Amino acid sequence: MQKDMPTVKEVIEALKNCYDPEIPINVVDLGLIYDVQVRDDASVYVKMTLTAPGCPIGYFLVEQVKEAIMNGVKGVRRVDVELVFDPPWNPRMMSEEAKKMLGIK
């Protein structure tokens, strides 16, 4: 393991700078991030979903996630994003703060 490895916490903080362009809430608070792992070779694995499988901005959001991690977390060598739709996203996955912003109880 290399010195000064990136941490999962740093990756999650960087992901809070990624916003779904259709909803003014970051991908973490929206509940789109299912898993984050930092591997021994300083690569980062992100398992994420979209609000809908046919979402037209899916590719854009995946690229935004990669860029946010590469540019926002020191020491990351590569980012691999797996886009999944199981389990399907639903509004209950959002943080309490996000629900409050959207008026969801």
PDB file of N, CA and C in Angstrom:
ATOM      1  N   MET A   1       0.852  -1.185   0.000  1.00  0.00           N
ATOM      2  CA  MET A   1       0.000   0.000   0.000  1.00  0.00           C
ATOM      3  C   MET A   1       0.891   1.240   0.000  1.00  0.00           C
ATOM      4  N   GLN A   2       0.542   2.184  -0.855  1.00  0.00           N
ATOM      5  CA  GLN A   2       1.376   3.379  -0.960  1.00  0.00           C
ATOM      6  C   GLN A   2       1.089   4.360   0.171  1.00  0.00           C
ATOM      7  N   LYS A   3       2.062   5.206   0.414  1.00  0.00           N
ATOM      8  CA  LYS A   3       1.938   6.237   1.436  1.00  0.00           C
ATOM      9  C   LYS A   3       0.944   7.298   0.951  1.00  0.00           C
ATOM     10  N   ASP A   4       0.240   7.929   1.887  1.00  0.00           N
ATOM     11  CA  ASP A   4      -0.736   8.969   1.564  1.00  0.00           C
ATOM     12  C   ASP A   4      -1.839   8.474   0.627  1.00  0.00           C
ATOM     13  N   MET A   5      -2.364   7.297   0.935  1.00  0.00           N
ATOM     14  CA  MET A   5      -3.459   6.728   0.147  1.00  0.00           C
ATOM     15  C   MET A   5      -4.707   7.590   0.303  1.00  0.00           C
ATOM     16  N   PRO A   6      -5.477   7.723  -0.768  1.00  0.00           N
ATOM     17  CA  PRO A   6      -6.754   8.409  -0.645  1.00  0.00           C
ATOM     18  C   PRO A   6      -7.670   7.613   0.285  1.00  0.00           C
ATOM     19  N   THR A   7      -8.632   8.272   0.876  1.00  0.00           N
ATOM     20  CA  THR A   7      -9.553   7.584   1.778  1.00  0.00           C
ATOM     21  C   THR A   7     -10.970   7.621   1.196  1.00  0.00           C
ATOM     22  N   VAL A   8     -11.799   6.709   1.666  1.00  0.00           N
ATOM     23  CA  VAL A   8     -13.198   6.675   1.249  1.00  0.00           C
ATOM     24  C   VAL A   8     -13.876   7.991   1.622  1.00  0.00           C
ATOM     25  N   LYS A   9     -13.558   8.505   2.795  1.00  0.00           N
ATOM     26  CA  LYS A   9     -14.155   9.776   3.242  1.00  0.00           C
ATOM     27  C   LYS A   9     -13.813  10.904   2.267  1.00  0.00           C
ATOM     28  N   GLU A  10     -12.573  10.973   1.810  1.00  0.00           N
ATOM     29  CA  GLU A  10     -12.169  12.008   0.848  1.00  0.00           C
ATOM     30  C   GLU A  10     -12.916  11.852  -0.474  1.00  0.00           C
ATOM     31  N   VAL A  11     -13.103  10.616  -0.889  1.00  0.00           N
ATOM     32  CA  VAL A  11     -13.821  10.357  -2.139  1.00  0.00           C
ATOM     33  C   VAL A  11     -15.278  10.811  -2.008  1.00  0.00           C
ATOM     34  N   ILE A  12     -15.917  10.471  -0.906  1.00  0.00           N
ATOM     35  CA  ILE A  12     -17.312  10.866  -0.695  1.00  0.00           C
ATOM     36  C   ILE A  12     -17.447  12.387  -0.656  1.00  0.00           C
ATOM     37  N   GLU A  13     -16.498  13.058  -0.017  1.00  0.00           N
ATOM     38  CA  GLU A  13     -16.531  14.528   0.004  1.00  0.00           C
ATOM     39  C   GLU A  13     -16.412  15.099  -1.412  1.00  0.00           C
ATOM     40  N   ALA A  14     -15.537  14.505  -2.230  1.00  0.00           N
ATOM     41  CA  ALA A  14     -15.390  14.963  -3.619  1.00  0.00           C
ATOM     42  C   ALA A  14     -16.680  14.731  -4.402  1.00  0.00           C
ATOM     43  N   LEU A  15     -17.352  13.617  -4.130  1.00  0.00           N
ATOM     44  CA  LEU A  15     -18.597  13.299  -4.831  1.00  0.00           C
ATOM     45  C   LEU A  15     -19.724  14.271  -4.488  1.00  0.00           C
ATOM     46  N   LYS A  16     -19.605  14.931  -3.354  1.00  0.00           N
ATOM     47  CA  LYS A  16     -20.626  15.915  -2.978  1.00  0.00           C
ATOM     48  C   LYS A  16     -20.573  17.156  -3.873  1.00  0.00           C
ATOM     49  N   ASN A  17     -19.557  17.212  -4.753  1.00  0.00           N
ATOM     50  CA  ASN A  17     -19.468  18.300  -5.730  1.00  0.00           C
ATOM     51  C   ASN A  17     -20.121  17.930  -7.059  1.00  0.00           C
ATOM     52  N   CYS A  18     -20.660  16.721  -7.162  1.00  0.00           N
ATOM     53  CA  CYS A  18     -21.331  16.260  -8.378  1.00  0.00           C
ATOM     54  C   CYS A  18     -22.834  16.385  -8.190  1.00  0.00           C
ATOM     55  N   TYR A  19     -23.458  17.098  -9.090  1.00  0.00           N
ATOM     56  CA  TYR A  19     -24.900  17.322  -8.996  1.00  0.00           C
ATOM     57  C   TYR A  19     -25.615  16.759 -10.211  1.00  0.00           C
ATOM     58  N   ASP A  20     -26.752  16.153  -9.966  1.00  0.00           N
ATOM     59  CA  ASP A  20     -27.640  15.761 -11.050  1.00  0.00           C
ATOM     60  C   ASP A  20     -28.120  17.070 -11.667  1.00  0.00           C
ATOM     61  N   PRO A  21     -27.904  17.294 -12.958  1.00  0.00           N
ATOM     62  CA  PRO A  21     -28.270  18.572 -13.562  1.00  0.00           C
ATOM     63  C   PRO A  21     -29.776  18.859 -13.520  1.00  0.00           C
ATOM     64  N   GLU A  22     -30.574  17.829 -13.349  1.00  0.00           N
ATOM     65  CA  GLU A  22     -32.024  18.031 -13.323  1.00  0.00           C
ATOM     66  C   GLU A  22     -32.553  18.276 -11.917  1.00  0.00           C
ATOM     67  N   ILE A  23     -31.767  17.911 -10.912  1.00  0.00           N
ATOM     68  CA  ILE A  23     -32.170  18.073  -9.510  1.00  0.00           C
ATOM     69  C   ILE A  23     -31.004  18.738  -8.791  1.00  0.00           C
ATOM     70  N   PRO A  24     -31.197  19.861  -8.148  1.00  0.00           N
ATOM     71  CA  PRO A  24     -30.075  20.596  -7.541  1.00  0.00           C
ATOM     72  C   PRO A  24     -29.577  19.985  -6.226  1.00  0.00           C
ATOM     73  N   ILE A  25     -29.320  18.676  -6.249  1.00  0.00           N
ATOM     74  CA  ILE A  25     -28.836  17.967  -5.066  1.00  0.00           C
ATOM     75  C   ILE A  25     -27.686  17.067  -5.502  1.00  0.00           C
ATOM     76  N   ASN A  26     -26.642  16.977  -4.675  1.00  0.00           N
ATOM     77  CA  ASN A  26     -25.476  16.183  -5.065  1.00  0.00           C
ATOM     78  C   ASN A  26     -25.803  14.686  -5.073  1.00  0.00           C
ATOM     79  N   VAL A  27     -24.959  13.933  -5.796  1.00  0.00           N
ATOM     80  CA  VAL A  27     -25.214  12.502  -6.000  1.00  0.00           C
ATOM     81  C   VAL A  27     -25.166  11.696  -4.710  1.00  0.00           C
ATOM     82  N   VAL A  28     -24.421  12.168  -3.719  1.00  0.00           N
ATOM     83  CA  VAL A  28     -24.352  11.469  -2.430  1.00  0.00           C
ATOM     84  C   VAL A  28     -25.678  11.623  -1.692  1.00  0.00           C
ATOM     85  N   ASP A  29     -26.137  12.865  -1.554  1.00  0.00           N
ATOM     86  CA  ASP A  29     -27.392  13.104  -0.845  1.00  0.00           C
ATOM     87  C   ASP A  29     -28.605  12.578  -1.598  1.00  0.00           C
ATOM     88  N   LEU A  30     -28.501  12.464  -2.921  1.00  0.00           N
ATOM     89  CA  LEU A  30     -29.592  11.877  -3.696  1.00  0.00           C
ATOM     90  C   LEU A  30     -29.686  10.364  -3.472  1.00  0.00           C
ATOM     91  N   GLY A  31     -28.618   9.773  -2.952  1.00  0.00           N
ATOM     92  CA  GLY A  31     -28.623   8.328  -2.726  1.00  0.00           C
ATOM     93  C   GLY A  31     -28.220   7.535  -3.959  1.00  0.00           C
ATOM     94  N   LEU A  32     -27.515   8.178  -4.881  1.00  0.00           N
ATOM     95  CA  LEU A  32     -27.105   7.495  -6.108  1.00  0.00           C
ATOM     96  C   LEU A  32     -25.832   6.682  -5.948  1.00  0.00           C
ATOM     97  N   ILE A  33     -25.085   6.920  -4.876  1.00  0.00           N
ATOM     98  CA  ILE A  33     -23.824   6.209  -4.646  1.00  0.00           C
ATOM     99  C   ILE A  33     -24.096   5.012  -3.743  1.00  0.00           C
ATOM    100  N   TYR A  34     -23.879   3.814  -4.280  1.00  0.00           N
ATOM    101  CA  TYR A  34     -24.136   2.588  -3.522  1.00  0.00           C
ATOM    102  C   TYR A  34     -22.903   2.067  -2.799  1.00  0.00           C
ATOM    103  N   ASP A  35     -21.712   2.298  -3.372  1.00  0.00           N
ATOM    104  CA  ASP A  35     -20.492   1.760  -2.770  1.00  0.00           C
ATOM    105  C   ASP A  35     -19.299   2.576  -3.245  1.00  0.00           C
ATOM    106  N   VAL A  36     -18.326   2.758  -2.342  1.00  0.00           N
ATOM    107  CA  VAL A  36     -17.054   3.406  -2.680  1.00  0.00           C
ATOM    108  C   VAL A  36     -15.956   2.572  -2.045  1.00  0.00           C
ATOM    109  N   GLN A  37     -14.951   2.221  -2.845  1.00  0.00           N
ATOM    110  CA  GLN A  37     -13.802   1.471  -2.339  1.00  0.00           C
ATOM    111  C   GLN A  37     -12.525   2.108  -2.859  1.00  0.00           C
ATOM    112  N   VAL A  38     -11.535   2.196  -1.984  1.00  0.00           N
ATOM    113  CA  VAL A  38     -10.199   2.620  -2.397  1.00  0.00           C
ATOM    114  C   VAL A  38      -9.345   1.361  -2.365  1.00  0.00           C
ATOM    115  N   ARG A  39      -8.786   1.025  -3.507  1.00  0.00           N
ATOM    116  CA  ARG A  39      -7.994  -0.215  -3.631  1.00  0.00           C
ATOM    117  C   ARG A  39      -6.528   0.039  -3.286  1.00  0.00           C
ATOM    118  N   ASP A  40      -5.813  -1.040  -3.065  1.00  0.00           N
ATOM    119  CA  ASP A  40      -4.395  -0.958  -2.677  1.00  0.00           C
ATOM    120  C   ASP A  40      -3.519  -0.234  -3.700  1.00  0.00           C
ATOM    121  N   ASP A  41      -3.937  -0.224  -4.970  1.00  0.00           N
ATOM    122  CA  ASP A  41      -3.142   0.445  -5.998  1.00  0.00           C
ATOM    123  C   ASP A  41      -3.547   1.908  -6.184  1.00  0.00           C
ATOM    124  N   ALA A  42      -4.318   2.457  -5.228  1.00  0.00           N
ATOM    125  CA  ALA A  42      -4.782   3.852  -5.231  1.00  0.00           C
ATOM    126  C   ALA A  42      -5.826   4.121  -6.313  1.00  0.00           C
ATOM    127  N   SER A  43      -6.434   3.047  -6.822  1.00  0.00           N
ATOM    128  CA  SER A  43      -7.569   3.252  -7.721  1.00  0.00           C
ATOM    129  C   SER A  43      -8.835   3.292  -6.868  1.00  0.00           C
ATOM    130  N   VAL A  44      -9.867   3.899  -7.404  1.00  0.00           N
ATOM    131  CA  VAL A  44     -11.128   4.040  -6.680  1.00  0.00           C
ATOM    132  C   VAL A  44     -12.226   3.356  -7.489  1.00  0.00           C
ATOM    133  N   TYR A  45     -13.041   2.584  -6.794  1.00  0.00           N
ATOM    134  CA  TYR A  45     -14.202   1.921  -7.387  1.00  0.00           C
ATOM    135  C   TYR A  45     -15.456   2.566  -6.823  1.00  0.00           C
ATOM    136  N   VAL A  46     -16.369   2.959  -7.718  1.00  0.00           N
ATOM    137  CA  VAL A  46     -17.646   3.541  -7.309  1.00  0.00           C
ATOM    138  C   VAL A  46     -18.760   2.744  -7.972  1.00  0.00           C
ATOM    139  N   LYS A  47     -19.685   2.286  -7.155  1.00  0.00           N
ATOM    140  CA  LYS A  47     -20.901   1.645  -7.670  1.00  0.00           C
ATOM    141  C   LYS A  47     -22.014   2.659  -7.474  1.00  0.00           C
ATOM    142  N   MET A  48     -22.682   3.000  -8.576  1.00  0.00           N
ATOM    143  CA  MET A  48     -23.710   4.031  -8.499  1.00  0.00           C
ATOM    144  C   MET A  48     -24.880   3.691  -9.404  1.00  0.00           C
ATOM    145  N   THR A  49     -25.936   4.446  -9.240  1.00  0.00           N
ATOM    146  CA  THR A  49     -27.116   4.295 -10.064  1.00  0.00           C
ATOM    147  C   THR A  49     -27.564   5.657 -10.552  1.00  0.00           C
ATOM    148  N   LEU A  50     -28.658   5.675 -11.275  1.00  0.00           N
ATOM    149  CA  LEU A  50     -29.283   6.910 -11.741  1.00  0.00           C
ATOM    150  C   LEU A  50     -30.708   6.929 -11.212  1.00  0.00           C
ATOM    151  N   THR A  51     -31.345   8.077 -11.267  1.00  0.00           N
ATOM    152  CA  THR A  51     -32.720   8.156 -10.778  1.00  0.00           C
ATOM    153  C   THR A  51     -33.668   7.337 -11.648  1.00  0.00           C
ATOM    154  N   ALA A  52     -33.291   7.098 -12.914  1.00  0.00           N
ATOM    155  CA  ALA A  52     -34.092   6.261 -13.816  1.00  0.00           C
ATOM    156  C   ALA A  52     -33.160   5.589 -14.818  1.00  0.00           C
ATOM    157  N   PRO A  53     -33.401   4.315 -15.159  1.00  0.00           N
ATOM    158  CA  PRO A  53     -32.515   3.610 -16.097  1.00  0.00           C
ATOM    159  C   PRO A  53     -32.344   4.309 -17.444  1.00  0.00           C
ATOM    160  N   GLY A  54     -33.365   4.965 -17.950  1.00  0.00           N
ATOM    161  CA  GLY A  54     -33.268   5.632 -19.245  1.00  0.00           C
ATOM    162  C   GLY A  54     -32.815   7.075 -19.153  1.00  0.00           C
ATOM    163  N   CYS A  55     -32.245   7.457 -18.030  1.00  0.00           N
ATOM    164  CA  CYS A  55     -31.839   8.842 -17.791  1.00  0.00           C
ATOM    165  C   CYS A  55     -30.884   9.309 -18.898  1.00  0.00           C
ATOM    166  N   PRO A  56     -31.246  10.373 -19.624  1.00  0.00           N
ATOM    167  CA  PRO A  56     -30.425  10.829 -20.742  1.00  0.00           C
ATOM    168  C   PRO A  56     -29.080  11.437 -20.328  1.00  0.00           C
ATOM    169  N   ILE A  57     -28.914  11.773 -19.062  1.00  0.00           N
ATOM    170  CA  ILE A  57     -27.658  12.385 -18.629  1.00  0.00           C
ATOM    171  C   ILE A  57     -26.747  11.379 -17.919  1.00  0.00           C
ATOM    172  N   GLY A  58     -27.054  10.105 -18.016  1.00  0.00           N
ATOM    173  CA  GLY A  58     -26.281   9.066 -17.329  1.00  0.00           C
ATOM    174  C   GLY A  58     -24.797   9.120 -17.630  1.00  0.00           C
ATOM    175  N   TYR A  59     -24.439   9.169 -18.914  1.00  0.00           N
ATOM    176  CA  TYR A  59     -23.031   9.207 -19.299  1.00  0.00           C
ATOM    177  C   TYR A  59     -22.357  10.450 -18.721  1.00  0.00           C
ATOM    178  N   PHE A  60     -23.024  11.592 -18.801  1.00  0.00           N
ATOM    179  CA  PHE A  60     -22.493  12.845 -18.267  1.00  0.00           C
ATOM    180  C   PHE A  60     -22.225  12.721 -16.767  1.00  0.00           C
ATOM    181  N   LEU A  61     -23.162  12.136 -16.037  1.00  0.00           N
ATOM    182  CA  LEU A  61     -23.028  12.010 -14.584  1.00  0.00           C
ATOM    183  C   LEU A  61     -21.867  11.080 -14.213  1.00  0.00           C
ATOM    184  N   VAL A  62     -21.713   9.983 -14.943  1.00  0.00           N
ATOM    185  CA  VAL A  62     -20.591   9.059 -14.699  1.00  0.00           C
ATOM    186  C   VAL A  62     -19.266   9.780 -14.930  1.00  0.00           C
ATOM    187  N   GLU A  63     -19.168  10.527 -16.001  1.00  0.00           N
ATOM    188  CA  GLU A  63     -17.932  11.278 -16.286  1.00  0.00           C
ATOM    189  C   GLU A  63     -17.683  12.339 -15.222  1.00  0.00           C
ATOM    190  N   GLN A  64     -18.730  12.991 -14.761  1.00  0.00           N
ATOM    191  CA  GLN A  64     -18.607  14.003 -13.711  1.00  0.00           C
ATOM    192  C   GLN A  64     -18.081  13.370 -12.426  1.00  0.00           C
ATOM    193  N   VAL A  65     -18.551  12.190 -12.088  1.00  0.00           N
ATOM    194  CA  VAL A  65     -18.087  11.467 -10.902  1.00  0.00           C
ATOM    195  C   VAL A  65     -16.597  11.157 -11.030  1.00  0.00           C
ATOM    196  N   LYS A  66     -16.187  10.641 -12.179  1.00  0.00           N
ATOM    197  CA  LYS A  66     -14.764  10.328 -12.401  1.00  0.00           C
ATOM    198  C   LYS A  66     -13.893  11.572 -12.252  1.00  0.00           C
ATOM    199  N   GLU A  67     -14.307  12.660 -12.882  1.00  0.00           N
ATOM    200  CA  GLU A  67     -13.531  13.905 -12.826  1.00  0.00           C
ATOM    201  C   GLU A  67     -13.451  14.467 -11.412  1.00  0.00           C
ATOM    202  N   ALA A  68     -14.571  14.422 -10.684  1.00  0.00           N
ATOM    203  CA  ALA A  68     -14.582  14.962  -9.322  1.00  0.00           C
ATOM    204  C   ALA A  68     -13.595  14.215  -8.435  1.00  0.00           C
ATOM    205  N   ILE A  69     -13.505  12.919  -8.609  1.00  0.00           N
ATOM    206  CA  ILE A  69     -12.582  12.119  -7.792  1.00  0.00           C
ATOM    207  C   ILE A  69     -11.141  12.348  -8.237  1.00  0.00           C
ATOM    208  N   MET A  70     -10.896  12.294  -9.535  1.00  0.00           N
ATOM    209  CA  MET A  70      -9.531  12.476 -10.030  1.00  0.00           C
ATOM    210  C   MET A  70      -8.982  13.857  -9.683  1.00  0.00           C
ATOM    211  N   ASN A  71      -9.826  14.875  -9.788  1.00  0.00           N
ATOM    212  CA  ASN A  71      -9.379  16.243  -9.535  1.00  0.00           C
ATOM    213  C   ASN A  71      -9.494  16.665  -8.077  1.00  0.00           C
ATOM    214  N   GLY A  72     -10.321  15.964  -7.307  1.00  0.00           N
ATOM    215  CA  GLY A  72     -10.582  16.403  -5.947  1.00  0.00           C
ATOM    216  C   GLY A  72      -9.948  15.585  -4.836  1.00  0.00           C
ATOM    217  N   VAL A  73      -9.353  14.448  -5.209  1.00  0.00           N
ATOM    218  CA  VAL A  73      -8.755  13.584  -4.188  1.00  0.00           C
ATOM    219  C   VAL A  73      -7.308  13.292  -4.572  1.00  0.00           C
ATOM    220  N   LYS A  74      -6.420  13.741  -3.731  1.00  0.00           N
ATOM    221  CA  LYS A  74      -4.990  13.575  -3.984  1.00  0.00           C
ATOM    222  C   LYS A  74      -4.595  12.090  -3.938  1.00  0.00           C
ATOM    223  N   GLY A  75      -3.782  11.685  -4.896  1.00  0.00           N
ATOM    224  CA  GLY A  75      -3.229  10.337  -4.889  1.00  0.00           C
ATOM    225  C   GLY A  75      -4.022   9.291  -5.653  1.00  0.00           C
ATOM    226  N   VAL A  76      -5.177   9.653  -6.204  1.00  0.00           N
ATOM    227  CA  VAL A  76      -5.979   8.682  -6.954  1.00  0.00           C
ATOM    228  C   VAL A  76      -5.332   8.446  -8.307  1.00  0.00           C
ATOM    229  N   ARG A  77      -5.144   7.182  -8.651  1.00  0.00           N
ATOM    230  CA  ARG A  77      -4.509   6.845  -9.925  1.00  0.00           C
ATOM    231  C   ARG A  77      -5.512   6.534 -11.030  1.00  0.00           C
ATOM    232  N   ARG A  78      -6.676   6.003 -10.644  1.00  0.00           N
ATOM    233  CA  ARG A  78      -7.685   5.625 -11.631  1.00  0.00           C
ATOM    234  C   ARG A  78      -9.036   5.552 -10.933  1.00  0.00           C
ATOM    235  N   VAL A  79     -10.101   5.800 -11.685  1.00  0.00           N
ATOM    236  CA  VAL A  79     -11.450   5.684 -11.143  1.00  0.00           C
ATOM    237  C   VAL A  79     -12.255   4.748 -12.043  1.00  0.00           C
ATOM    238  N   ASP A  80     -12.840   3.739 -11.437  1.00  0.00           N
ATOM    239  CA  ASP A  80     -13.717   2.820 -12.151  1.00  0.00           C
ATOM    240  C   ASP A  80     -15.127   3.007 -11.605  1.00  0.00           C
ATOM    241  N   VAL A  81     -16.065   3.301 -12.494  1.00  0.00           N
ATOM    242  CA  VAL A  81     -17.456   3.492 -12.084  1.00  0.00           C
ATOM    243  C   VAL A  81     -18.297   2.376 -12.681  1.00  0.00           C
ATOM    244  N   GLU A  82     -19.015   1.686 -11.814  1.00  0.00           N
ATOM    245  CA  GLU A  82     -19.963   0.662 -12.258  1.00  0.00           C
ATOM    246  C   GLU A  82     -21.360   1.244 -12.103  1.00  0.00           C
ATOM    247  N   LEU A  83     -22.081   1.310 -13.204  1.00  0.00           N
ATOM    248  CA  LEU A  83     -23.442   1.836 -13.198  1.00  0.00           C
ATOM    249  C   LEU A  83     -24.401   0.646 -13.097  1.00  0.00           C
ATOM    250  N   VAL A  84     -25.219   0.639 -12.047  1.00  0.00           N
ATOM    251  CA  VAL A  84     -26.144  -0.473 -11.808  1.00  0.00           C
ATOM    252  C   VAL A  84     -27.566   0.055 -11.622  1.00  0.00           C
ATOM    253  N   PHE A  85     -28.515  -0.838 -11.799  1.00  0.00           N
ATOM    254  CA  PHE A  85     -29.916  -0.459 -11.601  1.00  0.00           C
ATOM    255  C   PHE A  85     -30.633  -1.422 -10.668  1.00  0.00           C
ATOM    256  N   ASP A  86     -29.850  -2.184  -9.921  1.00  0.00           N
ATOM    257  CA  ASP A  86     -30.406  -3.098  -8.944  1.00  0.00           C
ATOM    258  C   ASP A  86     -29.619  -2.925  -7.651  1.00  0.00           C
ATOM    259  N   PRO A  87     -30.208  -2.441  -6.605  1.00  0.00           N
ATOM    260  CA  PRO A  87     -31.624  -2.116  -6.489  1.00  0.00           C
ATOM    261  C   PRO A  87     -31.947  -0.815  -7.219  1.00  0.00           C
ATOM    262  N   PRO A  88     -33.169  -0.715  -7.722  1.00  0.00           N
ATOM    263  CA  PRO A  88     -33.558   0.525  -8.383  1.00  0.00           C
ATOM    264  C   PRO A  88     -33.620   1.678  -7.397  1.00  0.00           C
ATOM    265  N   TRP A  89     -33.220   2.846  -7.853  1.00  0.00           N
ATOM    266  CA  TRP A  89     -33.254   4.032  -6.997  1.00  0.00           C
ATOM    267  C   TRP A  89     -34.696   4.405  -6.682  1.00  0.00           C
ATOM    268  N   ASN A  90     -34.909   4.934  -5.486  1.00  0.00           N
ATOM    269  CA  ASN A  90     -36.209   5.495  -5.134  1.00  0.00           C
ATOM    270  C   ASN A  90     -35.965   6.645  -4.153  1.00  0.00           C
ATOM    271  N   PRO A  91     -36.918   7.550  -3.998  1.00  0.00           N
ATOM    272  CA  PRO A  91     -36.712   8.742  -3.162  1.00  0.00           C
ATOM    273  C   PRO A  91     -36.363   8.447  -1.703  1.00  0.00           C
ATOM    274  N   ARG A  92     -36.692   7.276  -1.198  1.00  0.00           N
ATOM    275  CA  ARG A  92     -36.340   6.936   0.188  1.00  0.00           C
ATOM    276  C   ARG A  92     -34.829   6.820   0.392  1.00  0.00           C
ATOM    277  N   MET A  93     -34.080   6.723  -0.696  1.00  0.00           N
ATOM    278  CA  MET A  93     -32.622   6.592  -0.612  1.00  0.00           C
ATOM    279  C   MET A  93     -31.934   7.937  -0.374  1.00  0.00           C
ATOM    280  N   MET A  94     -32.675   9.025  -0.512  1.00  0.00           N
ATOM    281  CA  MET A  94     -32.091  10.344  -0.324  1.00  0.00           C
ATOM    282  C   MET A  94     -31.812  10.612   1.156  1.00  0.00           C
ATOM    283  N   SER A  95     -30.848  11.492   1.400  1.00  0.00           N
ATOM    284  CA  SER A  95     -30.563  11.909   2.768  1.00  0.00           C
ATOM    285  C   SER A  95     -31.750  12.724   3.278  1.00  0.00           C
ATOM    286  N   GLU A  96     -31.843  12.860   4.587  1.00  0.00           N
ATOM    287  CA  GLU A  96     -32.924  13.658   5.177  1.00  0.00           C
ATOM    288  C   GLU A  96     -32.857  15.104   4.693  1.00  0.00           C
ATOM    289  N   GLU A  97     -31.649  15.616   4.553  1.00  0.00           N
ATOM    290  CA  GLU A  97     -31.462  16.990   4.072  1.00  0.00           C
ATOM    291  C   GLU A  97     -32.009  17.152   2.654  1.00  0.00           C
ATOM    292  N   ALA A  98     -31.723  16.182   1.788  1.00  0.00           N
ATOM    293  CA  ALA A  98     -32.208  16.237   0.413  1.00  0.00           C
ATOM    294  C   ALA A  98     -33.736  16.158   0.371  1.00  0.00           C
ATOM    295  N   LYS A  99     -34.303  15.264   1.172  1.00  0.00           N
ATOM    296  CA  LYS A  99     -35.763  15.147   1.223  1.00  0.00           C
ATOM    297  C   LYS A  99     -36.392  16.471   1.658  1.00  0.00           C
ATOM    298  N   LYS A 100     -35.772  17.097   2.644  1.00  0.00           N
ATOM    299  CA  LYS A 100     -36.281  18.369   3.142  1.00  0.00           C
ATOM    300  C   LYS A 100     -36.218  19.441   2.052  1.00  0.00           C
ATOM    301  N   MET A 101     -35.124  19.468   1.284  1.00  0.00           N
ATOM    302  CA  MET A 101     -34.966  20.450   0.209  1.00  0.00           C
ATOM    303  C   MET A 101     -36.040  20.289  -0.858  1.00  0.00           C
ATOM    304  N   LEU A 102     -36.432  19.029  -1.105  1.00  0.00           N
ATOM    305  CA  LEU A 102     -37.426  18.749  -2.145  1.00  0.00           C
ATOM    306  C   LEU A 102     -38.849  18.668  -1.602  1.00  0.00           C
ATOM    307  N   GLY A 103     -39.002  18.862  -0.291  1.00  0.00           N
ATOM    308  CA  GLY A 103     -40.326  18.821   0.303  1.00  0.00           C
ATOM    309  C   GLY A 103     -40.911  17.432   0.414  1.00  0.00           C
ATOM    310  N   ILE A 104     -40.033  16.424   0.535  1.00  0.00           N
ATOM    311  CA  ILE A 104     -40.470  15.035   0.662  1.00  0.00           C
ATOM    312  C   ILE A 104     -40.390  14.633   2.134  1.00  0.00           C
ATOM    313  N   LYS A 105     -41.415  13.960   2.630  1.00  0.00           N
ATOM    314  CA  LYS A 105     -41.409  13.537   4.031  1.00  0.00           C
ATOM    315  C   LYS A 105     -41.057  12.087   4.162  1.00  0.00           C
TER     316      LYS A 105
END
